[in-house]
């Protein structure tokens, strides 16, 4: 154990992380009282003072256990709902509340989105102190003038966040919970501004500087597509990104350049190192001067970007790297990275659940460990080829380290990432530097305009190349469905292969083969189930009616044309169900042919010999039949009927389904009538989406 004493954070951080994860997943089972820390701490100190090898193993175990408990309790006390005045512990029976805007407002398509911190709630004749962070949406016209620190009086009360409405849908409730947000409210125009009292003057000034920087770039760059990329790459503002540009960068495996993080901070740090070397100041004598200036410049850049979480993570990481390089004793880059992660997790333990945090550290590890090994595989005297090979190795190393996790979260893999990154990384380098120069010198009339023009041309060329890569057949492999344990199996394969080459023992080849076999079996089992799947899914959608018919890997989507033709809505609400249940059926490529027919106000479908009637128009009320028609399932949408008698007089059916396109009062009425007739009824309002499994 003592040989690793020089690299303490390689042991401290994993133990701390395990404690955080244990509390997150097992808090209801692992009920540790705080005083449990006392015994292991006293025992650890007692044995450590003796300083004898006899208790080395026990001391190591106690240190691990103490750090595990620290991680456990850090998350417990970090969670907002641990506080007794938190709104989650009380009934939401107040009429209004006073709150402060704690995040910069963001302009959405139809609203202004921000986060407020509740300070006080108001009843009819009294007030109470309550605390909570609330995700709110405001009227776009009235909310456009709001800023960080504004105090609002908001009418109404927030709602507890609900889980995903449809199968496989993104769990927004979970995402907000990791940010200590448990409530949400659509405020609209029902609010008043009481004044401005920012919780942090530092953040207020950083956001103000970010806004000024944004305005300068907007004033000098006219092309919206170009401007969106510049704002994203230089300032981390992605609101202005065109959807096509975003999709193209994602398909080309270059999305990381549009999220200001480790790459951008690393570029700035590399420039600082290069300048010091050029000036002959990179010797041991000036090491602390280099470290201090590096840290100051990096944090100034973080300030310009509004102190966004992703930039703060990256700047903290490179600050530790700068300090590590300045110390006279031998340092280890992995220990330095672990130390920065430990500090960040002490500040916010829920960062461990952040996709950005996970991918950032994995990418850096891949580049630090794997890139030099790949680079040494090929040597060339040609400087240009050497640089291209070095960039390719960086891209491959980062992709190996982050690939399984990226596929798990985003269900796609960019096939030509190594091509795009060869030019996108140098382009990002130049764009970032030019962008910063425009921010600094853009006020100079001719110089600022010239630099902005050069910047625009470079971004335009880069965009064209990205679109060209996206247009290559097979540029992105979509519809990949991984379970978390499957991504772990892939990582184990990677680790065992690395160990095979590092330690040169065949047992690691055998272990990698076993993990590959487990992964293959898991995928085959899933696919065999998908082939035999047949179902009808009625989605839980506000003011829309959509039905998905699926047999194996073929499907057919039926519903409101406005929804079915909206790619963003399909990707969010429909595609996740097909991805998780059917191994990647694309919503834009329906191939299932159904037996169907029409009657006034309704469409009839037959799937696996089972009839399904979608009643969606009031014309059904004029339909006449001499004999009741037997139908197993009937879906009522869009207020097509006003009374259940309008169906029971026409059809004999087993199940009534009422979707979210109906008004609430009608849903309640039809539900009561169906229950009185002992019919099986499913209300999407009350019961959520419905998935009818069919037998072949």
Foldseek 3Di string as FASTA:
>chain_A
DVVCVQQVLVLLLVLLLLLQVCLVPPVVPDPDDPCVLVVLVVVLVVVVVVVDPVCVVVNSVSSSVNSSNVSNVLNCVVQPVNDPQAPVVDDFPFWKFKWFFAAFWDDDPFWIWTKTWTQWTHHPPDIDGHTAIEIETEGHVVCVPDGGQWMKIAGDTWDFDDADQFPLFDGVCVVVSLVNHGTYYYRYHRMDTPGGDHPDPLLVQLVVLLVVLLVLLCVQDPDQCLSQQLCQQAQVDNSSHDPVLCVLCVLLVNNVNSGPAQLLLVLLLVVLCVVCVVVVNPDLVCLVVSLVVSLVVLVVSCSNSSVDVRSVLNSLLVSLVSVQSNDPDDDDSVSSNSVSVSVVCSVRVSCVVPLSSQLVSLLVVLQVPFLVVQLVVDDDPDPVVSLLSSQLSSQVSSCLRCVLVCCQVPVKDFPNNSVLSSPVSVLSSVLNVLSVVLSVPLVPVPVNSVSSVVSSVSSVVSSVVSNVLSPDPPRMGGLAHDDPVLSVLSVLLVVLVVCCVVVVDCVSVVVSVVSVVVSVVVVVVLLVQLQAWWKKKWAADAQWTKIWTDHRLAIDIDIDPVQLVDPVNCVRHPQSVCSHRRRGRDSVDHDDDWDWDDDQQWIWTADPNAIEIEREALRLLVDDDPDAAEHAEYEYAQCNDQACCSNVVRHDYAEYEYHNSDDPVSLVRHVVVCVVVVHHYHYCVPHRMDMGIDHD
